[in-house]
C-alpha atoms as a PDB file:
ATOM      1  CA  ALA A   1     -15.439 -35.350  19.740  1.00  0.00           C
ATOM      2  CA  ILE A   2     -13.455 -32.369  17.893  1.00  0.00           C
ATOM      3  CA  PHE A   3     -14.562 -29.417  16.408  1.00  0.00           C
ATOM      4  CA  ARG A   4     -13.098 -26.765  13.809  1.00  0.00           C
ATOM      5  CA  ASP A   5     -13.626 -24.195  12.637  1.00  0.00           C
ATOM      6  CA  SER A   6     -13.528 -22.378   9.203  1.00  0.00           C
ATOM      7  CA  GLN A   7      -9.914 -20.284  10.960  1.00  0.00           C
ATOM      8  CA  GLY A   8      -8.675 -23.990  11.875  1.00  0.00           C
ATOM      9  CA  SER A   9      -9.227 -23.140  15.360  1.00  0.00           C
ATOM     10  CA  GLU A  10      -9.975 -26.327  17.599  1.00  0.00           C
ATOM     11  CA  PHE A  11     -12.318 -27.299  20.216  1.00  0.00           C
ATOM     12  CA  MET A  12     -12.412 -31.003  21.906  1.00  0.00           C
ATOM     13  CA  THR A  13     -15.249 -31.419  23.805  1.00  0.00           C
ATOM     14  CA  ASP A  14     -16.916 -33.602  26.247  1.00  0.00           C
ATOM     15  CA  VAL A  15     -19.371 -35.728  24.881  1.00  0.00           C
ATOM     16  CA  ALA A  16     -21.176 -36.395  27.877  1.00  0.00           C
ATOM     17  CA  SER A  17     -21.475 -33.201  29.037  1.00  0.00           C
ATOM     18  CA  TRP A  18     -20.699 -31.761  25.743  1.00  0.00           C
ATOM     19  CA  ARG A  19     -18.767 -29.012  27.516  1.00  0.00           C
ATOM     20  CA  VAL A  20     -15.271 -27.620  25.941  1.00  0.00           C
ATOM     21  CA  VAL A  21     -12.167 -29.400  27.409  1.00  0.00           C
ATOM     22  CA  GLU A  22      -9.271 -27.836  24.903  1.00  0.00           C
ATOM     23  CA  ALA A  23      -9.398 -24.797  22.876  1.00  0.00           C
ATOM     24  CA  HIS A  24      -6.465 -23.549  20.633  1.00  0.00           C
ATOM     25  CA  LEU A  25      -6.363 -20.515  18.566  1.00  0.00           C
ATOM     26  CA  GLY A  26      -6.715 -21.731  14.600  1.00  0.00           C
ATOM     27  CA  PRO A  27      -2.776 -21.535  12.638  1.00  0.00           C
ATOM     28  CA  SER A  28      -4.832 -19.505   9.717  1.00  0.00           C
ATOM     29  CA  ILE A  29      -5.467 -16.397  12.079  1.00  0.00           C
ATOM     30  CA  PRO A  30      -2.548 -14.609  11.038  1.00  0.00           C
ATOM     31  CA  TYR A  31      -0.307 -13.137  14.097  1.00  0.00           C
ATOM     32  CA  SER A  32      -0.193  -9.647  15.440  1.00  0.00           C
ATOM     33  CA  ALA A  33       1.350  -7.780  18.206  1.00  0.00           C
ATOM     34  CA  PRO A  34      -0.949  -6.756  20.878  1.00  0.00           C
ATOM     35  CA  SER A  35      -2.159  -3.578  19.969  1.00  0.00           C
ATOM     36  CA  SER A  36      -2.498  -2.775  23.552  1.00  0.00           C
ATOM     37  CA  GLU A  37      -1.457  -4.331  26.752  1.00  0.00           C
ATOM     38  CA  MET A  38      -3.372  -5.558  30.006  1.00  0.00           C
ATOM     39  CA  SER A  39      -2.014  -5.370  33.222  1.00  0.00           C
ATOM     40  CA  LEU A  40      -1.561  -8.447  34.996  1.00  0.00           C
ATOM     41  CA  SER A  41      -4.539  -7.840  37.698  1.00  0.00           C
ATOM     42  CA  GLU A  42      -6.401  -7.558  34.752  1.00  0.00           C
ATOM     43  CA  LEU A  43      -5.183 -10.819  32.847  1.00  0.00           C
ATOM     44  CA  ARG A  44      -6.065 -12.624  35.988  1.00  0.00           C
ATOM     45  CA  ALA A  45      -9.789 -11.516  36.609  1.00  0.00           C
ATOM     46  CA  ARG A  46     -10.357 -12.353  32.898  1.00  0.00           C
ATOM     47  CA  ALA A  47      -8.434 -15.790  32.788  1.00  0.00           C
ATOM     48  CA  GLU A  48     -11.111 -15.895  36.109  1.00  0.00           C
ATOM     49  CA  GLN A  49     -13.933 -15.046  34.500  1.00  0.00           C
ATOM     50  CA  ILE A  50     -13.637 -17.779  31.425  1.00  0.00           C
ATOM     51  CA  LEU A  51     -12.948 -20.567  34.215  1.00  0.00           C
ATOM     52  CA  ALA A  52     -15.618 -19.064  36.609  1.00  0.00           C
ATOM     53  CA  GLU A  53     -18.575 -18.889  33.148  1.00  0.00           C
ATOM     54  CA  ASN A  54     -17.102 -22.540  31.969  1.00  0.00           C
ATOM     55  CA  THR A  55     -17.169 -24.352  35.739  1.00  0.00           C
ATOM     56  CA  PRO A  56     -20.526 -24.117  37.193  1.00  0.00           C
ATOM     57  CA  ALA A  57     -19.038 -26.125  40.420  1.00  0.00           C
ATOM     58  CA  LEU A  58     -16.060 -23.618  40.801  1.00  0.00           C
ATOM     59  CA  GLY A  59     -17.258 -21.931  43.588  1.00  0.00           C
ATOM     60  CA  ALA A  60     -17.648 -25.179  45.966  1.00  0.00           C
ATOM     61  CA  MET A  61     -14.155 -26.881  44.657  1.00  0.00           C
ATOM     62  CA  LYS A  62     -12.009 -23.150  44.435  1.00  0.00           C
ATOM     63  CA  ASP A  63     -10.926 -23.582  48.164  1.00  0.00           C
ATOM     64  CA  ARG A  64      -9.222 -26.820  47.063  1.00  0.00           C
ATOM     65  CA  LEU A  65      -7.544 -25.540  43.583  1.00  0.00           C
ATOM     66  CA  PHE A  66      -3.751 -25.661  43.785  1.00  0.00           C
ATOM     67  CA  TYR A  67      -3.070 -22.205  41.342  1.00  0.00           C
ATOM     68  CA  ASP A  68      -0.070 -20.414  39.636  1.00  0.00           C
ATOM     69  CA  GLU A  69       0.817 -18.594  37.141  1.00  0.00           C
ATOM     70  CA  GLY A  70       3.897 -18.074  34.321  1.00  0.00           C
ATOM     71  CA  THR A  71       4.491 -15.419  31.753  1.00  0.00           C
ATOM     72  CA  LYS A  72       6.926 -15.899  28.229  1.00  0.00           C
ATOM     73  CA  PRO A  73       6.860 -12.934  26.200  1.00  0.00           C
ATOM     74  CA  ASP A  74       3.568 -11.124  25.259  1.00  0.00           C
ATOM     75  CA  MET A  75       1.991 -14.322  26.818  1.00  0.00           C
ATOM     76  CA  TYR A  76       0.717 -15.176  30.494  1.00  0.00           C
ATOM     77  CA  PHE A  77      -0.575 -18.704  32.067  1.00  0.00           C
ATOM     78  CA  PHE A  78      -2.933 -19.150  34.634  1.00  0.00           C
ATOM     79  CA  SER A  79      -3.225 -23.239  36.207  1.00  0.00           C
ATOM     80  CA  TRP A  80      -5.601 -24.543  38.675  1.00  0.00           C
ATOM     81  CA  GLU A  81      -5.471 -28.485  39.759  1.00  0.00           C
ATOM     82  CA  ASP A  82      -7.425 -30.470  42.326  1.00  0.00           C
ATOM     83  CA  ARG A  83      -4.548 -32.713  43.781  1.00  0.00           C
ATOM     84  CA  THR A  84      -6.960 -33.627  46.088  1.00  0.00           C
ATOM     85  CA  TYR A  85      -9.118 -35.709  43.832  1.00  0.00           C
ATOM     86  CA  GLN A  86      -8.442 -39.244  44.398  1.00  0.00           C
ATOM     87  CA  GLY A  87      -9.845 -40.947  40.563  1.00  0.00           C
ATOM     88  CA  TRP A  88      -6.817 -39.757  38.168  1.00  0.00           C
ATOM     89  CA  LEU A  89      -3.811 -41.763  37.231  1.00  0.00           C
ATOM     90  CA  PHE A  90      -1.669 -39.486  35.856  1.00  0.00           C
ATOM     91  CA  MET A  91      -2.487 -35.826  35.183  1.00  0.00           C
ATOM     92  CA  PRO A  92      -5.189 -34.544  38.317  1.00  0.00           C
ATOM     93  CA  PRO A  93      -8.614 -32.324  36.999  1.00  0.00           C
ATOM     94  CA  MET A  94      -6.906 -28.766  35.916  1.00  0.00           C
ATOM     95  CA  ALA A  95      -7.749 -26.046  34.223  1.00  0.00           C
ATOM     96  CA  ARG A  96      -4.923 -23.947  32.022  1.00  0.00           C
ATOM     97  CA  ILE A  97      -5.770 -20.522  30.501  1.00  0.00           C
ATOM     98  CA  ALA A  98      -3.359 -18.719  27.957  1.00  0.00           C
ATOM     99  CA  LEU A  99      -3.896 -15.099  27.194  1.00  0.00           C
ATOM    100  CA  ARG A 100      -2.374 -12.758  24.913  1.00  0.00           C
ATOM    101  CA  SER A 101      -1.199  -9.335  27.351  1.00  0.00           C
ATOM    102  CA  ASP A 102      -4.005  -7.589  25.414  1.00  0.00           C
ATOM    103  CA  GLY A 103      -6.259 -10.271  26.928  1.00  0.00           C
ATOM    104  CA  LEU A 104      -6.649 -12.488  23.262  1.00  0.00           C
ATOM    105  CA  LEU A 105      -7.879 -16.323  24.680  1.00  0.00           C
ATOM    106  CA  VAL A 106      -4.840 -18.396  23.205  1.00  0.00           C
ATOM    107  CA  THR A 107      -5.217 -21.955  24.830  1.00  0.00           C
ATOM    108  CA  TYR A 108      -7.746 -23.044  27.255  1.00  0.00           C
ATOM    109  CA  VAL A 109      -7.619 -26.675  28.909  1.00  0.00           C
ATOM    110  CA  ASN A 110     -10.388 -27.367  31.473  1.00  0.00           C
ATOM    111  CA  SER A 111     -11.105 -31.051  32.729  1.00  0.00           C
ATOM    112  CA  LEU A 112     -12.225 -29.704  36.778  1.00  0.00           C
ATOM    113  CA  PHE A 113     -15.476 -31.290  35.848  1.00  0.00           C
ATOM    114  CA  LEU A 114     -13.830 -34.737  36.863  1.00  0.00           C
ATOM    115  CA  SER A 115     -13.498 -33.790  39.990  1.00  0.00           C
ATOM    116  CA  GLU A 116     -17.286 -31.633  40.434  1.00  0.00           C
END
């Protein structure tokens, strides 16, 4: 199911569990340059917190997840993949979180619950 808020943000949910699988910042939210910047370690901790809050079994699966991160100007990307899961055809269960340099959540994708 896809839900949209009044600012055009989209939230895609798994209807069996009602977990948010994807969230994207709406196009009607005006862009403004970050007024403050967080350090990479603060952004990483924020991404990990978001993931932990939305993935109840994260503690049990964390050791088997492949982790990667990347950057673009003012944007930071954090990714986790469960490459050990045998039930996938095209992409393994994964989570990707994009944060602006001030910590604003821009994109959230999480299908790790498939491998719980």
